[in-house]
Amino acid sequence: MGDWAEGDPLEVAPRLLGTVLTHGGVSVRLTEVEAYAGPADPGSHAHRGRTERNSVMFGPPGHLYVYFVYGMHHCANLVTGPDGDPGAVLLRAGEVVAGHVVARERRPGSSDRDLARGPARLCRALGIDLDDNGVRPALAPGEPVVQISSGPRVGLRHAADRPWRFWITGDPTVSTYRPAAPRRSARS
């Protein structure tokens, strides 16, 4: 997998659509991803350089970069690019194709459409957490994707308008687009 994950995140991202990621007894067909281009991208965790948190992004391609956000959610990226070049693709959404019982136990009350719809839900359904930071995920080819759409990235304050979010056109498991909310000053 390392060879095909190696490359510009803008090229790798659409290639990931339709692939099947298996982890923690659940398999998900990826339906939505988002590219991040390292130091040149103000939206990337690697924009300001290497840190302890983002160091996996600088490693070899094909590994997961997992981080904790908002004090409650895990999100996972697939590292791309050659070793030392911190590109990554955020795994935004997918369709559970195997392991439904386990996914439903991890996401009780969710409809099948919503089990892995959004990056935090996808990680929860797959059982991905910080212990998986740096692991090589099990990815397999899926059915060919007929049509791919692209648009702005979700929830970013910087470089959000770049059309680096890719999804399978018309797929019901794709997350809802939400631009970043403007920050409120303490004086408001």
N, C-alpha and C. Protein backbone atom coordinates (compact mmCIF):
# COMPACT_ATOMS: atom_id res chain seq x y z
N MET A 1 0.82 -1.20 0.00
CA MET A 1 0.00 0.00 0.00
C MET A 1 0.86 1.25 0.00
N GLY A 2 2.05 1.23 0.58
CA GLY A 2 2.87 2.42 0.67
C GLY A 2 3.12 3.08 -0.66
N ASP A 3 3.35 2.30 -1.72
CA ASP A 3 3.66 2.89 -3.02
C ASP A 3 2.51 3.72 -3.58
N TRP A 4 1.28 3.20 -3.53
CA TRP A 4 0.17 3.96 -4.10
C TRP A 4 -0.25 5.11 -3.20
N ALA A 5 0.08 5.05 -1.91
CA ALA A 5 -0.23 6.16 -1.01
C ALA A 5 0.81 7.27 -1.14
N GLU A 6 1.94 6.93 -1.76
CA GLU A 6 2.99 7.93 -1.93
C GLU A 6 2.64 8.84 -3.09
N GLY A 7 2.68 10.13 -2.83
CA GLY A 7 2.38 11.10 -3.86
C GLY A 7 1.71 12.32 -3.28
N ASP A 8 1.43 13.24 -4.13
CA ASP A 8 0.76 14.46 -3.75
C ASP A 8 -0.61 14.12 -3.16
N PRO A 9 -0.96 14.69 -2.00
CA PRO A 9 -2.25 14.37 -1.40
C PRO A 9 -3.44 14.68 -2.32
N LEU A 10 -3.28 15.66 -3.22
CA LEU A 10 -4.37 15.98 -4.15
C LEU A 10 -4.57 14.89 -5.19
N GLU A 11 -3.55 14.09 -5.44
CA GLU A 11 -3.69 12.95 -6.35
C GLU A 11 -4.14 11.70 -5.61
N VAL A 12 -3.64 11.51 -4.39
CA VAL A 12 -3.98 10.33 -3.61
C VAL A 12 -5.44 10.39 -3.14
N ALA A 13 -5.91 11.57 -2.73
CA ALA A 13 -7.25 11.70 -2.14
C ALA A 13 -8.35 11.09 -3.01
N PRO A 14 -8.51 11.50 -4.27
CA PRO A 14 -9.59 10.90 -5.05
C PRO A 14 -9.39 9.40 -5.31
N ARG A 15 -8.14 8.93 -5.32
CA ARG A 15 -7.88 7.49 -5.51
C ARG A 15 -8.37 6.68 -4.33
N LEU A 16 -8.45 7.30 -3.15
CA LEU A 16 -8.92 6.58 -1.95
C LEU A 16 -10.41 6.31 -1.98
N LEU A 17 -11.16 7.10 -2.72
CA LEU A 17 -12.61 6.93 -2.74
C LEU A 17 -12.97 5.55 -3.28
N GLY A 18 -13.84 4.87 -2.55
CA GLY A 18 -14.27 3.53 -2.94
C GLY A 18 -13.42 2.43 -2.34
N THR A 19 -12.23 2.76 -1.81
CA THR A 19 -11.42 1.73 -1.17
C THR A 19 -12.06 1.33 0.15
N VAL A 20 -11.75 0.12 0.59
CA VAL A 20 -12.34 -0.41 1.81
C VAL A 20 -11.27 -0.46 2.90
N LEU A 21 -11.53 0.23 3.99
CA LEU A 21 -10.66 0.29 5.15
C LEU A 21 -11.25 -0.64 6.21
N THR A 22 -10.44 -1.57 6.70
CA THR A 22 -10.89 -2.50 7.73
C THR A 22 -10.06 -2.28 8.98
N HIS A 23 -10.75 -2.15 10.10
CA HIS A 23 -10.09 -1.95 11.39
C HIS A 23 -11.08 -2.30 12.50
N GLY A 24 -10.60 -2.94 13.53
CA GLY A 24 -11.44 -3.20 14.70
C GLY A 24 -12.69 -4.00 14.42
N GLY A 25 -12.63 -4.92 13.46
CA GLY A 25 -13.77 -5.76 13.15
C GLY A 25 -14.82 -5.11 12.27
N VAL A 26 -14.53 -3.95 11.71
CA VAL A 26 -15.48 -3.22 10.85
C VAL A 26 -14.77 -2.85 9.55
N SER A 27 -15.51 -2.94 8.44
CA SER A 27 -14.99 -2.50 7.14
C SER A 27 -15.86 -1.36 6.63
N VAL A 28 -15.20 -0.30 6.15
CA VAL A 28 -15.88 0.90 5.66
C VAL A 28 -15.38 1.21 4.25
N ARG A 29 -16.32 1.42 3.33
CA ARG A 29 -15.98 1.89 1.98
C ARG A 29 -15.89 3.41 2.06
N LEU A 30 -14.71 3.96 1.77
CA LEU A 30 -14.51 5.41 1.90
C LEU A 30 -15.30 6.16 0.83
N THR A 31 -16.09 7.15 1.29
CA THR A 31 -16.95 7.93 0.39
C THR A 31 -16.59 9.41 0.36
N GLU A 32 -15.77 9.86 1.31
CA GLU A 32 -15.40 11.28 1.38
C GLU A 32 -14.04 11.41 2.05
N VAL A 33 -13.18 12.24 1.46
CA VAL A 33 -11.83 12.48 1.98
C VAL A 33 -11.48 13.95 1.76
N GLU A 34 -10.40 14.39 2.39
CA GLU A 34 -9.98 15.79 2.29
C GLU A 34 -8.45 15.86 2.29
N ALA A 35 -7.87 16.54 1.32
CA ALA A 35 -6.41 16.60 1.16
C ALA A 35 -5.80 17.76 1.94
N TYR A 36 -4.60 17.49 2.50
CA TYR A 36 -3.83 18.50 3.23
C TYR A 36 -2.38 18.43 2.75
N ALA A 37 -1.86 19.58 2.30
CA ALA A 37 -0.58 19.63 1.59
C ALA A 37 0.60 20.10 2.43
N GLY A 38 0.66 19.76 3.69
CA GLY A 38 1.83 20.01 4.51
C GLY A 38 2.17 21.47 4.73
N PRO A 39 3.46 21.83 4.75
CA PRO A 39 3.90 23.18 5.09
C PRO A 39 3.32 24.28 4.21
N ALA A 40 3.00 23.98 2.96
CA ALA A 40 2.46 24.99 2.06
C ALA A 40 0.97 25.22 2.26
N ASP A 41 0.35 24.47 3.16
CA ASP A 41 -1.10 24.51 3.35
C ASP A 41 -1.43 25.01 4.75
N PRO A 42 -1.97 26.24 4.88
CA PRO A 42 -2.30 26.77 6.21
C PRO A 42 -3.36 25.96 6.96
N GLY A 43 -4.08 25.08 6.26
CA GLY A 43 -5.07 24.22 6.91
C GLY A 43 -4.48 22.94 7.49
N SER A 44 -3.23 22.66 7.16
CA SER A 44 -2.59 21.41 7.57
C SER A 44 -1.98 21.51 8.97
N HIS A 45 -2.02 20.41 9.70
CA HIS A 45 -1.35 20.36 11.01
C HIS A 45 0.16 20.49 10.86
N ALA A 46 0.69 20.27 9.67
CA ALA A 46 2.14 20.38 9.44
C ALA A 46 2.56 21.76 8.94
N HIS A 47 1.62 22.69 8.88
CA HIS A 47 1.92 24.02 8.33
C HIS A 47 3.05 24.73 9.07
N ARG A 48 3.10 24.58 10.36
CA ARG A 48 4.12 25.28 11.16
C ARG A 48 5.32 24.40 11.49
N GLY A 49 5.41 23.24 10.85
CA GLY A 49 6.56 22.37 11.08
C GLY A 49 6.23 21.14 11.91
N ARG A 50 7.26 20.38 12.13
CA ARG A 50 7.12 19.11 12.85
C ARG A 50 6.98 19.34 14.35
N THR A 51 6.03 18.62 14.95
CA THR A 51 5.82 18.64 16.40
C THR A 51 5.69 17.19 16.86
N GLU A 52 5.65 16.99 18.15
CA GLU A 52 5.42 15.64 18.68
C GLU A 52 4.08 15.11 18.19
N ARG A 53 3.05 15.97 18.18
CA ARG A 53 1.70 15.55 17.79
C ARG A 53 1.65 15.12 16.34
N ASN A 54 2.27 15.88 15.42
CA ASN A 54 2.11 15.61 13.99
C ASN A 54 3.27 14.83 13.37
N SER A 55 4.18 14.31 14.16
CA SER A 55 5.40 13.69 13.62
C SER A 55 5.11 12.52 12.68
N VAL A 56 4.01 11.80 12.87
CA VAL A 56 3.68 10.70 11.97
C VAL A 56 3.47 11.21 10.54
N MET A 57 2.99 12.45 10.39
CA MET A 57 2.78 13.02 9.06
C MET A 57 4.09 13.13 8.27
N PHE A 58 5.21 13.19 8.95
CA PHE A 58 6.51 13.35 8.32
C PHE A 58 7.15 11.99 8.00
N GLY A 59 6.51 10.93 8.42
CA GLY A 59 7.06 9.60 8.23
C GLY A 59 6.70 9.03 6.87
N PRO A 60 6.91 7.75 6.69
CA PRO A 60 6.62 7.14 5.40
C PRO A 60 5.13 7.15 5.10
N PRO A 61 4.76 7.11 3.82
CA PRO A 61 3.35 7.10 3.44
C PRO A 61 2.67 5.79 3.82
N GLY A 62 1.34 5.85 3.88
CA GLY A 62 0.56 4.65 4.13
C GLY A 62 0.25 4.39 5.59
N HIS A 63 0.61 5.30 6.48
CA HIS A 63 0.34 5.14 7.92
C HIS A 63 -0.77 6.10 8.33
N LEU A 64 -1.42 5.79 9.44
CA LEU A 64 -2.45 6.68 9.97
C LEU A 64 -1.84 7.75 10.86
N TYR A 65 -2.30 8.98 10.65
CA TYR A 65 -2.02 10.08 11.58
C TYR A 65 -3.34 10.32 12.29
N VAL A 66 -3.41 9.97 13.58
CA VAL A 66 -4.64 10.09 14.36
C VAL A 66 -4.44 11.20 15.38
N TYR A 67 -5.45 12.05 15.51
CA TYR A 67 -5.39 13.12 16.51
C TYR A 67 -6.72 13.25 17.22
N PHE A 68 -6.69 13.90 18.36
CA PHE A 68 -7.85 14.10 19.22
C PHE A 68 -8.26 15.56 19.10
N VAL A 69 -9.53 15.81 18.87
CA VAL A 69 -9.99 17.18 18.62
C VAL A 69 -11.20 17.50 19.51
N TYR A 70 -11.31 18.75 19.89
CA TYR A 70 -12.41 19.25 20.72
C TYR A 70 -12.53 18.51 22.05
N GLY A 71 -11.46 17.84 22.49
CA GLY A 71 -11.49 17.13 23.75
C GLY A 71 -12.41 15.94 23.78
N MET A 72 -12.86 15.47 22.60
CA MET A 72 -13.81 14.35 22.61
C MET A 72 -13.80 13.46 21.38
N HIS A 73 -13.20 13.87 20.26
CA HIS A 73 -13.28 13.09 19.03
C HIS A 73 -11.89 12.74 18.49
N HIS A 74 -11.80 11.57 17.87
CA HIS A 74 -10.60 11.19 17.13
C HIS A 74 -10.87 11.38 15.64
N CYS A 75 -9.84 11.79 14.92
CA CYS A 75 -9.89 11.90 13.46
C CYS A 75 -8.65 11.22 12.92
N ALA A 76 -8.76 10.64 11.71
CA ALA A 76 -7.64 9.91 11.13
C ALA A 76 -7.35 10.39 9.72
N ASN A 77 -6.06 10.51 9.42
CA ASN A 77 -5.56 10.85 8.10
C ASN A 77 -4.68 9.71 7.61
N LEU A 78 -4.63 9.52 6.30
CA LEU A 78 -3.65 8.62 5.72
C LEU A 78 -2.49 9.48 5.25
N VAL A 79 -1.28 9.17 5.72
CA VAL A 79 -0.09 9.92 5.35
C VAL A 79 0.25 9.61 3.89
N THR A 80 0.57 10.65 3.12
CA THR A 80 0.94 10.51 1.71
C THR A 80 2.33 11.11 1.52
N GLY A 81 2.75 11.21 0.30
CA GLY A 81 4.03 11.85 0.01
C GLY A 81 5.21 10.98 0.40
N PRO A 82 6.39 11.35 -0.06
CA PRO A 82 7.58 10.60 0.33
C PRO A 82 7.94 10.88 1.80
N ASP A 83 8.72 10.00 2.37
CA ASP A 83 9.19 10.15 3.74
C ASP A 83 9.79 11.55 3.92
N GLY A 84 9.34 12.27 4.94
CA GLY A 84 9.83 13.61 5.21
C GLY A 84 8.96 14.72 4.65
N ASP A 85 8.02 14.39 3.76
CA ASP A 85 7.13 15.38 3.15
C ASP A 85 5.73 15.16 3.71
N PRO A 86 5.27 16.02 4.62
CA PRO A 86 4.08 15.73 5.44
C PRO A 86 2.72 15.96 4.78
N GLY A 87 2.43 15.34 3.68
CA GLY A 87 1.09 15.39 3.11
C GLY A 87 0.20 14.36 3.78
N ALA A 88 -1.11 14.60 3.77
CA ALA A 88 -2.04 13.66 4.38
C ALA A 88 -3.42 13.83 3.79
N VAL A 89 -4.24 12.79 3.94
CA VAL A 89 -5.62 12.82 3.48
C VAL A 89 -6.51 12.45 4.66
N LEU A 90 -7.37 13.38 5.08
CA LEU A 90 -8.33 13.14 6.15
C LEU A 90 -9.40 12.18 5.65
N LEU A 91 -9.67 11.15 6.42
CA LEU A 91 -10.73 10.19 6.10
C LEU A 91 -12.02 10.74 6.69
N ARG A 92 -12.87 11.33 5.83
CA ARG A 92 -14.04 12.07 6.30
C ARG A 92 -15.29 11.24 6.50
N ALA A 93 -15.58 10.28 5.62
CA ALA A 93 -16.84 9.54 5.74
C ALA A 93 -16.76 8.24 4.97
N GLY A 94 -17.66 7.32 5.33
CA GLY A 94 -17.71 6.05 4.63
C GLY A 94 -19.00 5.31 4.89
N GLU A 95 -19.15 4.23 4.15
CA GLU A 95 -20.30 3.34 4.30
C GLU A 95 -19.81 2.05 4.93
N VAL A 96 -20.43 1.64 6.04
CA VAL A 96 -20.07 0.38 6.67
C VAL A 96 -20.53 -0.75 5.75
N VAL A 97 -19.57 -1.60 5.35
CA VAL A 97 -19.89 -2.71 4.44
C VAL A 97 -19.71 -4.07 5.11
N ALA A 98 -19.11 -4.11 6.27
CA ALA A 98 -18.99 -5.34 7.06
C ALA A 98 -18.76 -4.94 8.52
N GLY A 99 -19.26 -5.81 9.42
CA GLY A 99 -19.11 -5.52 10.84
C GLY A 99 -20.17 -4.56 11.37
N HIS A 100 -21.35 -4.60 10.78
CA HIS A 100 -22.43 -3.69 11.19
C HIS A 100 -22.75 -3.79 12.68
N VAL A 101 -22.77 -5.00 13.22
CA VAL A 101 -23.12 -5.18 14.63
C VAL A 101 -22.13 -4.45 15.52
N VAL A 102 -20.84 -4.61 15.23
CA VAL A 102 -19.80 -3.94 16.03
C VAL A 102 -19.91 -2.42 15.87
N ALA A 103 -20.10 -1.94 14.64
CA ALA A 103 -20.23 -0.50 14.40
C ALA A 103 -21.43 0.07 15.14
N ARG A 104 -22.54 -0.66 15.15
CA ARG A 104 -23.74 -0.18 15.85
C ARG A 104 -23.53 -0.16 17.37
N GLU A 105 -22.74 -1.11 17.89
CA GLU A 105 -22.42 -1.09 19.32
C GLU A 105 -21.60 0.14 19.68
N ARG A 106 -20.71 0.54 18.77
CA ARG A 106 -19.86 1.72 19.01
C ARG A 106 -20.62 3.02 18.77
N ARG A 107 -21.66 2.96 17.94
CA ARG A 107 -22.44 4.17 17.60
C ARG A 107 -23.93 3.87 17.80
N PRO A 108 -24.36 3.59 19.04
CA PRO A 108 -25.76 3.22 19.28
C PRO A 108 -26.71 4.35 18.87
N GLY A 109 -27.84 3.93 18.31
CA GLY A 109 -28.86 4.89 17.91
C GLY A 109 -28.63 5.51 16.55
N SER A 110 -27.53 5.20 15.88
CA SER A 110 -27.25 5.77 14.56
C SER A 110 -27.89 4.93 13.47
N SER A 111 -28.36 5.60 12.44
CA SER A 111 -28.85 4.88 11.27
C SER A 111 -27.64 4.32 10.53
N ASP A 112 -27.85 3.34 9.67
CA ASP A 112 -26.75 2.78 8.89
C ASP A 112 -26.05 3.86 8.08
N ARG A 113 -26.81 4.82 7.56
CA ARG A 113 -26.23 5.92 6.78
C ARG A 113 -25.28 6.76 7.62
N ASP A 114 -25.58 6.92 8.89
CA ASP A 114 -24.80 7.80 9.77
C ASP A 114 -23.72 7.10 10.59
N LEU A 115 -23.57 5.79 10.47
CA LEU A 115 -22.59 5.07 11.29
C LEU A 115 -21.18 5.62 11.13
N ALA A 116 -20.79 5.98 9.90
CA ALA A 116 -19.42 6.48 9.65
C ALA A 116 -19.47 7.75 8.81
N ARG A 117 -20.49 8.56 9.02
CA ARG A 117 -20.71 9.80 8.26
C ARG A 117 -20.11 10.97 9.03
N GLY A 118 -18.90 11.35 8.66
CA GLY A 118 -18.14 12.39 9.35
C GLY A 118 -16.88 11.77 9.93
N PRO A 119 -15.79 12.53 10.05
CA PRO A 119 -14.51 11.95 10.47
C PRO A 119 -14.50 11.35 11.87
N ALA A 120 -15.17 11.97 12.82
CA ALA A 120 -15.19 11.42 14.18
C ALA A 120 -16.06 10.16 14.24
N ARG A 121 -17.18 10.17 13.57
CA ARG A 121 -18.05 8.99 13.53
C ARG A 121 -17.35 7.82 12.83
N LEU A 122 -16.61 8.12 11.77
CA LEU A 122 -15.87 7.09 11.04
C LEU A 122 -14.86 6.42 11.98
N CYS A 123 -14.12 7.23 12.72
CA CYS A 123 -13.15 6.68 13.67
C CYS A 123 -13.84 5.87 14.76
N ARG A 124 -14.94 6.36 15.28
CA ARG A 124 -15.67 5.64 16.33
C ARG A 124 -16.18 4.30 15.80
N ALA A 125 -16.77 4.29 14.61
CA ALA A 125 -17.30 3.05 14.03
C ALA A 125 -16.19 2.03 13.83
N LEU A 126 -15.01 2.49 13.42
CA LEU A 126 -13.87 1.60 13.17
C LEU A 126 -13.07 1.28 14.43
N GLY A 127 -13.34 1.98 15.51
CA GLY A 127 -12.59 1.77 16.75
C GLY A 127 -11.19 2.36 16.68
N ILE A 128 -11.00 3.41 15.88
CA ILE A 128 -9.70 4.07 15.76
C ILE A 128 -9.56 5.12 16.85
N ASP A 129 -8.43 5.08 17.57
CA ASP A 129 -8.13 6.09 18.57
C ASP A 129 -6.63 6.39 18.55
N LEU A 130 -6.14 7.13 19.53
CA LEU A 130 -4.73 7.54 19.54
C LEU A 130 -3.76 6.37 19.55
N ASP A 131 -4.19 5.21 20.04
CA ASP A 131 -3.33 4.04 20.02
C ASP A 131 -3.02 3.59 18.59
N ASP A 132 -3.80 4.04 17.62
CA ASP A 132 -3.62 3.65 16.22
C ASP A 132 -2.76 4.65 15.45
N ASN A 133 -2.30 5.71 16.12
CA ASN A 133 -1.44 6.68 15.47
C ASN A 133 -0.17 5.98 14.99
N GLY A 134 0.12 6.06 13.69
CA GLY A 134 1.31 5.45 13.12
C GLY A 134 1.13 4.05 12.56
N VAL A 135 -0.02 3.42 12.77
CA VAL A 135 -0.22 2.07 12.22
C VAL A 135 -0.54 2.14 10.72
N ARG A 136 -0.28 1.03 10.04
CA ARG A 136 -0.63 0.89 8.63
C ARG A 136 -2.02 0.27 8.57
N PRO A 137 -3.01 0.98 8.08
CA PRO A 137 -4.36 0.42 8.03
C PRO A 137 -4.50 -0.63 6.93
N ALA A 138 -5.47 -1.51 7.09
CA ALA A 138 -5.79 -2.50 6.07
C ALA A 138 -6.72 -1.84 5.06
N LEU A 139 -6.20 -1.58 3.87
CA LEU A 139 -6.98 -0.97 2.79
C LEU A 139 -7.01 -1.91 1.61
N ALA A 140 -8.18 -2.05 0.99
CA ALA A 140 -8.32 -2.92 -0.18
C ALA A 140 -9.12 -2.19 -1.24
N PRO A 141 -8.88 -2.51 -2.51
CA PRO A 141 -9.67 -1.87 -3.57
C PRO A 141 -11.14 -2.22 -3.41
N GLY A 142 -11.99 -1.28 -3.78
CA GLY A 142 -13.42 -1.51 -3.76
C GLY A 142 -13.97 -1.45 -5.18
N GLU A 143 -15.26 -1.28 -5.28
CA GLU A 143 -15.90 -1.12 -6.59
C GLU A 143 -15.43 0.19 -7.21
N PRO A 144 -15.27 0.23 -8.52
CA PRO A 144 -14.86 1.49 -9.17
C PRO A 144 -15.87 2.61 -8.90
N VAL A 145 -15.36 3.81 -8.73
CA VAL A 145 -16.20 4.98 -8.47
C VAL A 145 -16.56 5.61 -9.81
N VAL A 146 -17.85 5.87 -10.01
CA VAL A 146 -18.32 6.41 -11.29
C VAL A 146 -18.09 7.91 -11.40
N GLN A 147 -18.47 8.65 -10.36
CA GLN A 147 -18.35 10.10 -10.44
C GLN A 147 -17.86 10.67 -9.11
N ILE A 148 -16.86 11.56 -9.20
CA ILE A 148 -16.27 12.20 -8.02
C ILE A 148 -16.55 13.69 -8.08
N SER A 149 -16.96 14.25 -6.97
CA SER A 149 -17.14 15.70 -6.85
C SER A 149 -16.05 16.25 -5.94
N SER A 150 -15.82 17.56 -6.04
CA SER A 150 -14.87 18.20 -5.13
C SER A 150 -15.42 19.56 -4.74
N GLY A 151 -14.97 20.05 -3.60
CA GLY A 151 -15.42 21.34 -3.10
C GLY A 151 -14.55 21.77 -1.95
N PRO A 152 -14.97 22.85 -1.26
CA PRO A 152 -14.16 23.39 -0.17
C PRO A 152 -14.08 22.42 1.00
N ARG A 153 -13.00 22.57 1.76
CA ARG A 153 -12.81 21.74 2.95
C ARG A 153 -13.74 22.22 4.06
N VAL A 154 -13.97 21.35 5.01
CA VAL A 154 -14.96 21.58 6.06
C VAL A 154 -14.32 22.12 7.33
N GLY A 155 -14.94 23.17 7.89
CA GLY A 155 -14.60 23.64 9.22
C GLY A 155 -13.25 24.31 9.41
N LEU A 156 -12.60 24.71 8.33
CA LEU A 156 -11.29 25.37 8.45
C LEU A 156 -11.43 26.87 8.48
N ARG A 157 -10.54 27.52 9.19
CA ARG A 157 -10.48 28.98 9.19
C ARG A 157 -9.51 29.49 8.14
N HIS A 158 -8.49 28.68 7.79
CA HIS A 158 -7.48 29.09 6.82
C HIS A 158 -7.50 28.14 5.63
N ALA A 159 -7.52 28.70 4.43
CA ALA A 159 -7.47 27.93 3.17
C ALA A 159 -8.65 26.97 3.02
N ALA A 160 -9.78 27.32 3.61
CA ALA A 160 -10.97 26.48 3.51
C ALA A 160 -11.53 26.45 2.10
N ASP A 161 -11.33 27.52 1.34
CA ASP A 161 -11.94 27.62 0.02
C ASP A 161 -11.27 26.74 -1.03
N ARG A 162 -10.14 26.13 -0.71
CA ARG A 162 -9.48 25.25 -1.67
C ARG A 162 -10.37 24.02 -1.90
N PRO A 163 -10.64 23.67 -3.14
CA PRO A 163 -11.55 22.54 -3.42
C PRO A 163 -10.85 21.19 -3.24
N TRP A 164 -10.37 20.94 -2.05
CA TRP A 164 -9.57 19.75 -1.77
C TRP A 164 -10.33 18.70 -0.98
N ARG A 165 -11.65 18.85 -0.91
CA ARG A 165 -12.51 17.80 -0.34
C ARG A 165 -13.09 17.05 -1.53
N PHE A 166 -13.00 15.73 -1.49
CA PHE A 166 -13.46 14.88 -2.59
C PHE A 166 -14.48 13.89 -2.04
N TRP A 167 -15.53 13.63 -2.80
CA TRP A 167 -16.55 12.68 -2.37
C TRP A 167 -17.16 11.98 -3.57
N ILE A 168 -17.77 10.83 -3.29
CA ILE A 168 -18.48 10.09 -4.32
C ILE A 168 -19.81 10.81 -4.53
N THR A 169 -19.99 11.32 -5.72
CA THR A 169 -21.17 12.13 -6.04
C THR A 169 -22.45 11.36 -5.73
N GLY A 170 -23.33 12.01 -4.97
CA GLY A 170 -24.65 11.45 -4.67
C GLY A 170 -24.67 10.39 -3.59
N ASP A 171 -23.55 10.05 -3.00
CA ASP A 171 -23.55 9.01 -1.97
C ASP A 171 -24.17 9.55 -0.69
N PRO A 172 -25.13 8.82 -0.11
CA PRO A 172 -25.84 9.33 1.08
C PRO A 172 -24.99 9.37 2.36
N THR A 173 -23.83 8.71 2.36
CA THR A 173 -23.01 8.71 3.58
C THR A 173 -22.04 9.88 3.64
N VAL A 174 -21.99 10.71 2.60
CA VAL A 174 -21.11 11.88 2.60
C VAL A 174 -21.62 12.87 3.64
N SER A 175 -20.71 13.46 4.40
CA SER A 175 -21.11 14.38 5.47
C SER A 175 -21.63 15.70 4.90
N THR A 176 -22.34 16.42 5.72
CA THR A 176 -22.90 17.71 5.33
C THR A 176 -21.81 18.77 5.36
N TYR A 177 -21.74 19.60 4.32
CA TYR A 177 -20.73 20.66 4.29
C TYR A 177 -21.09 21.74 5.29
N ARG A 178 -20.11 22.12 6.12
CA ARG A 178 -20.27 23.22 7.07
C ARG A 178 -19.00 24.06 7.06
N PRO A 179 -19.12 25.33 6.69
CA PRO A 179 -17.93 26.19 6.78
C PRO A 179 -17.61 26.45 8.25
N ALA A 180 -16.40 26.90 8.49
CA ALA A 180 -15.99 27.22 9.86
C ALA A 180 -16.84 28.38 10.39
N ALA A 181 -17.19 28.29 11.65
CA ALA A 181 -17.92 29.38 12.28
C ALA A 181 -16.94 30.49 12.62
N PRO A 182 -17.34 31.73 12.41
CA PRO A 182 -16.42 32.84 12.75
C PRO A 182 -16.14 32.85 14.26
N ARG A 183 -14.92 33.19 14.61
CA ARG A 183 -14.56 33.29 16.02
C ARG A 183 -15.19 34.53 16.61
N ARG A 184 -15.63 34.40 17.85
CA ARG A 184 -16.19 35.55 18.55
C ARG A 184 -15.12 36.10 19.48
N SER A 185 -15.03 37.39 19.53
CA SER A 185 -14.04 37.99 20.41
C SER A 185 -14.57 37.94 21.85
N ALA A 186 -13.67 38.01 22.80
CA ALA A 186 -14.05 37.98 24.22
C ALA A 186 -14.84 39.22 24.58
N ARG A 187 -14.77 40.25 23.77
CA ARG A 187 -15.48 41.50 24.07
C ARG A 187 -16.90 41.51 23.55
N SER A 188 -17.27 40.53 22.74
CA SER A 188 -18.61 40.51 22.17
C SER A 188 -19.65 40.15 23.18
